[in-house]
Amino acid sequence: MITQKNTAIIIPSRLAATRLPNKPLIMINGKPMIHHVWERACESNLGKVIVATDNIEIQKVIEDSGGTSCLTSVDHQSGTDRIFEALQKYDSANKIEYVVNLQGDLPNIDADSLLRVLQLLENKEVNIGTLVVKINEESDLDKEQIVKALCIFKENEKNTKALDFQRLPKDITINNLYH
């Protein structure tokens, strides 16, 4: 059963982005972007919120706001790797059963969306959930910075398995791609 005690929202965040350097620290309405993302996660009241980062500046933003951050290696290949390290450091007693991976560049995420993805995890056949939205612009297909999720939804279906994640689609039409 999902409870606040066995659930964590972990937000991977790094400064070394090539497309938009220092993106987590870009100011939006007087606060760094990462602060807004952390606030949205806290508003969900789903569980412990942890920002996993390789940067002391990001760590300071979160901790100065009363939040929890975990300093991770700079060598991770993905946000998922960063989350795994943070979970190992934070939850050495293995009490966390459910983890929501909230991307660090979603300052306007709705707390209800986090709840919906967490509810997927109540099904024991599901071990990870990802929120996706339909790709509507043909031009987005060639953008490497947009990770595309290949999903085939049946009529009126809200949840389905992602068949693949790709940066550049391989012989796939826009009809089944989400991001």
Protein backbone atom coordinates (compact mmCIF):
# COMPACT_ATOMS: atom_id res chain seq x y z
CA MET A 1 0.00 0.00 0.00
CA ILE A 2 1.29 3.43 -0.92
CA THR A 3 1.87 5.77 2.03
CA GLN A 4 3.89 8.93 2.63
CA LYS A 5 6.39 6.87 4.62
CA ASN A 6 7.22 4.44 1.82
CA THR A 7 7.16 6.91 -1.06
CA ALA A 8 9.74 9.36 -2.37
CA ILE A 9 9.71 11.88 -5.16
CA ILE A 10 13.27 12.22 -6.39
CA ILE A 11 14.17 15.10 -8.69
CA PRO A 12 17.39 14.65 -10.71
CA SER A 13 19.02 17.98 -11.51
CA ARG A 14 22.35 19.01 -13.00
CA LEU A 15 23.89 22.21 -14.34
CA ALA A 16 25.86 20.69 -17.20
CA ALA A 17 23.06 20.79 -19.78
CA THR A 18 24.32 21.69 -23.24
CA ARG A 19 21.09 23.13 -24.68
CA LEU A 20 20.38 25.55 -21.84
CA PRO A 21 23.35 25.97 -19.47
CA ASN A 22 22.48 26.47 -15.79
CA LYS A 23 18.83 25.65 -16.51
CA PRO A 24 17.95 24.60 -12.92
CA LEU A 25 19.09 27.99 -11.62
CA ILE A 26 17.28 30.13 -14.19
CA MET A 27 15.07 32.55 -12.30
CA ILE A 28 11.30 32.29 -12.76
CA ASN A 29 9.22 34.78 -10.77
CA GLY A 30 12.10 35.42 -8.40
CA LYS A 31 12.99 31.77 -7.69
CA PRO A 32 15.29 29.28 -9.44
CA MET A 33 13.50 26.76 -11.66
CA ILE A 34 14.57 23.85 -9.44
CA HIS A 35 12.92 25.55 -6.46
CA HIS A 36 9.59 25.66 -8.33
CA VAL A 37 9.88 21.96 -9.22
CA TRP A 38 10.68 21.10 -5.59
CA GLU A 39 7.67 23.16 -4.42
CA ARG A 40 5.32 21.34 -6.82
CA ALA A 41 6.58 18.00 -5.51
CA CYS A 42 6.10 19.10 -1.90
CA GLU A 43 2.57 20.32 -2.67
CA SER A 44 1.63 16.81 -3.79
CA ASN A 45 2.08 15.47 -0.21
CA LEU A 46 2.92 12.07 -1.67
CA GLY A 47 6.07 11.44 0.33
CA LYS A 48 9.62 12.57 0.95
CA VAL A 49 10.97 14.93 -1.72
CA ILE A 50 14.68 14.71 -2.53
CA VAL A 51 16.64 16.66 -5.12
CA ALA A 52 19.49 14.53 -6.47
CA THR A 53 22.21 16.76 -7.86
CA ASP A 54 25.90 16.86 -8.65
CA ASN A 55 26.07 20.58 -7.95
CA ILE A 56 26.56 22.43 -4.68
CA GLU A 57 24.65 25.52 -5.92
CA ILE A 58 21.53 23.44 -6.60
CA GLN A 59 21.96 21.68 -3.26
CA LYS A 60 22.16 25.05 -1.50
CA VAL A 61 18.98 26.36 -3.18
CA ILE A 62 17.02 23.36 -1.93
CA GLU A 63 18.52 23.16 1.55
CA ASP A 64 18.18 26.93 2.11
CA SER A 65 14.46 26.43 1.42
CA GLY A 66 14.23 23.68 4.03
CA GLY A 67 14.35 20.82 1.54
CA THR A 68 16.41 17.66 1.28
CA SER A 69 19.07 17.23 -1.37
CA CYS A 70 21.59 14.54 -2.06
CA LEU A 71 24.94 15.30 -3.66
CA THR A 72 25.62 12.67 -6.33
CA SER A 73 28.39 11.77 -8.74
CA VAL A 74 29.03 13.95 -11.79
CA ASP A 75 29.58 10.80 -13.86
CA HIS A 76 25.99 9.59 -14.23
CA GLN A 77 24.73 8.92 -17.75
CA SER A 78 21.09 9.59 -16.88
CA GLY A 79 18.77 11.08 -14.32
CA THR A 80 17.67 7.56 -13.42
CA ASP A 81 21.25 6.71 -12.42
CA ARG A 82 21.34 9.84 -10.28
CA ILE A 83 18.05 8.87 -8.63
CA PHE A 84 19.34 5.38 -7.86
CA GLU A 85 22.43 6.79 -6.13
CA ALA A 86 20.33 9.23 -4.11
CA LEU A 87 17.95 6.47 -3.07
CA GLN A 88 20.84 4.27 -1.93
CA LYS A 89 22.29 7.12 0.14
CA TYR A 90 19.00 8.36 1.58
CA ASP A 91 17.23 5.04 2.16
CA SER A 92 19.87 2.64 3.46
CA ALA A 93 17.15 0.84 5.49
CA ASN A 94 15.17 0.13 2.28
CA LYS A 95 11.92 1.63 3.58
CA ILE A 96 11.11 3.43 0.32
CA GLU A 97 9.02 1.15 -1.89
CA TYR A 98 7.75 3.68 -4.43
CA VAL A 99 9.79 6.28 -6.28
CA VAL A 100 8.46 8.98 -8.57
CA ASN A 101 11.09 10.36 -10.95
CA LEU A 102 10.18 14.03 -11.40
CA GLN A 103 12.28 15.77 -14.03
CA GLY A 104 14.00 18.90 -12.75
CA ASP A 105 12.77 21.10 -15.60
CA LEU A 106 9.02 20.87 -14.97
CA PRO A 107 8.27 23.94 -12.85
CA ASN A 108 4.57 23.90 -13.76
CA ILE A 109 3.82 20.22 -13.14
CA ASP A 110 0.44 19.63 -11.58
CA ALA A 111 0.56 17.76 -8.25
CA ASP A 112 -2.39 15.61 -9.40
CA SER A 113 -0.26 14.31 -12.27
CA LEU A 114 2.26 13.02 -9.75
CA LEU A 115 -0.52 11.21 -7.90
CA ARG A 116 -1.72 9.58 -11.13
CA VAL A 117 1.71 8.20 -11.95
CA LEU A 118 2.14 6.97 -8.38
CA GLN A 119 -1.20 5.15 -8.51
CA LEU A 120 0.12 3.13 -11.47
CA LEU A 121 2.73 1.67 -9.14
CA GLU A 122 0.08 0.05 -6.94
CA ASN A 123 -0.17 -2.57 -9.67
CA LYS A 124 2.61 -5.03 -8.74
CA GLU A 125 3.27 -5.69 -12.44
CA VAL A 126 4.36 -2.06 -12.83
CA ASN A 127 7.71 -0.97 -11.43
CA ILE A 128 8.06 2.44 -13.04
CA GLY A 129 5.63 5.04 -14.35
CA THR A 130 6.25 7.89 -16.76
CA LEU A 131 3.92 10.73 -17.65
CA VAL A 132 3.75 11.40 -21.39
CA VAL A 133 1.92 13.76 -23.71
CA LYS A 134 1.27 13.33 -27.41
CA ILE A 135 3.80 14.78 -29.84
CA ASN A 136 1.79 16.99 -32.17
CA GLU A 137 4.52 18.80 -34.07
CA GLU A 138 6.22 16.89 -36.86
CA SER A 139 9.32 19.08 -36.35
CA ASP A 140 9.77 17.64 -32.83
CA LEU A 141 10.59 14.22 -34.27
CA ASP A 142 14.11 15.28 -35.28
CA LYS A 143 14.96 17.06 -32.03
CA GLU A 144 17.42 14.92 -30.09
CA GLN A 145 16.74 16.86 -26.89
CA ILE A 146 13.19 15.48 -26.85
CA VAL A 147 13.05 11.89 -25.67
CA LYS A 148 10.24 10.12 -27.50
CA ALA A 149 8.21 7.36 -25.85
CA LEU A 150 6.74 4.80 -28.23
CA CYS A 151 3.30 3.97 -26.83
CA ILE A 152 0.26 2.32 -28.35
CA PHE A 153 -2.91 3.32 -26.51
CA LYS A 154 -6.16 1.47 -27.11
CA GLU A 155 -9.33 3.52 -27.48
CA ASN A 156 -10.23 5.28 -24.19
CA GLU A 157 -7.11 3.84 -22.52
CA LYS A 158 -5.22 6.18 -20.19
CA ASN A 159 -2.36 3.85 -19.27
CA THR A 160 -0.21 1.61 -21.42
CA LYS A 161 3.30 0.22 -21.60
CA ALA A 162 6.02 2.24 -23.25
CA LEU A 163 7.54 -0.02 -25.88
CA ASP A 164 10.69 2.06 -26.31
CA PHE A 165 12.32 5.41 -25.53
CA GLN A 166 14.35 7.11 -28.25
CA ARG A 167 15.98 10.42 -28.99
CA LEU A 168 15.73 9.94 -32.75
CA PRO A 169 12.78 7.84 -33.95
CA LYS A 170 13.53 4.82 -36.12
CA ASP A 171 10.95 4.35 -38.87
CA ILE A 172 8.07 5.36 -36.61
CA THR A 173 5.23 7.71 -37.38
CA ILE A 174 4.16 10.56 -35.15
CA ASN A 175 0.93 8.66 -34.33
CA ASN A 176 2.45 6.59 -31.53
CA LEU A 177 5.06 8.99 -30.17
CA TYR A 178 4.80 10.86 -26.89
CA HIS A 179 7.22 12.87 -24.80
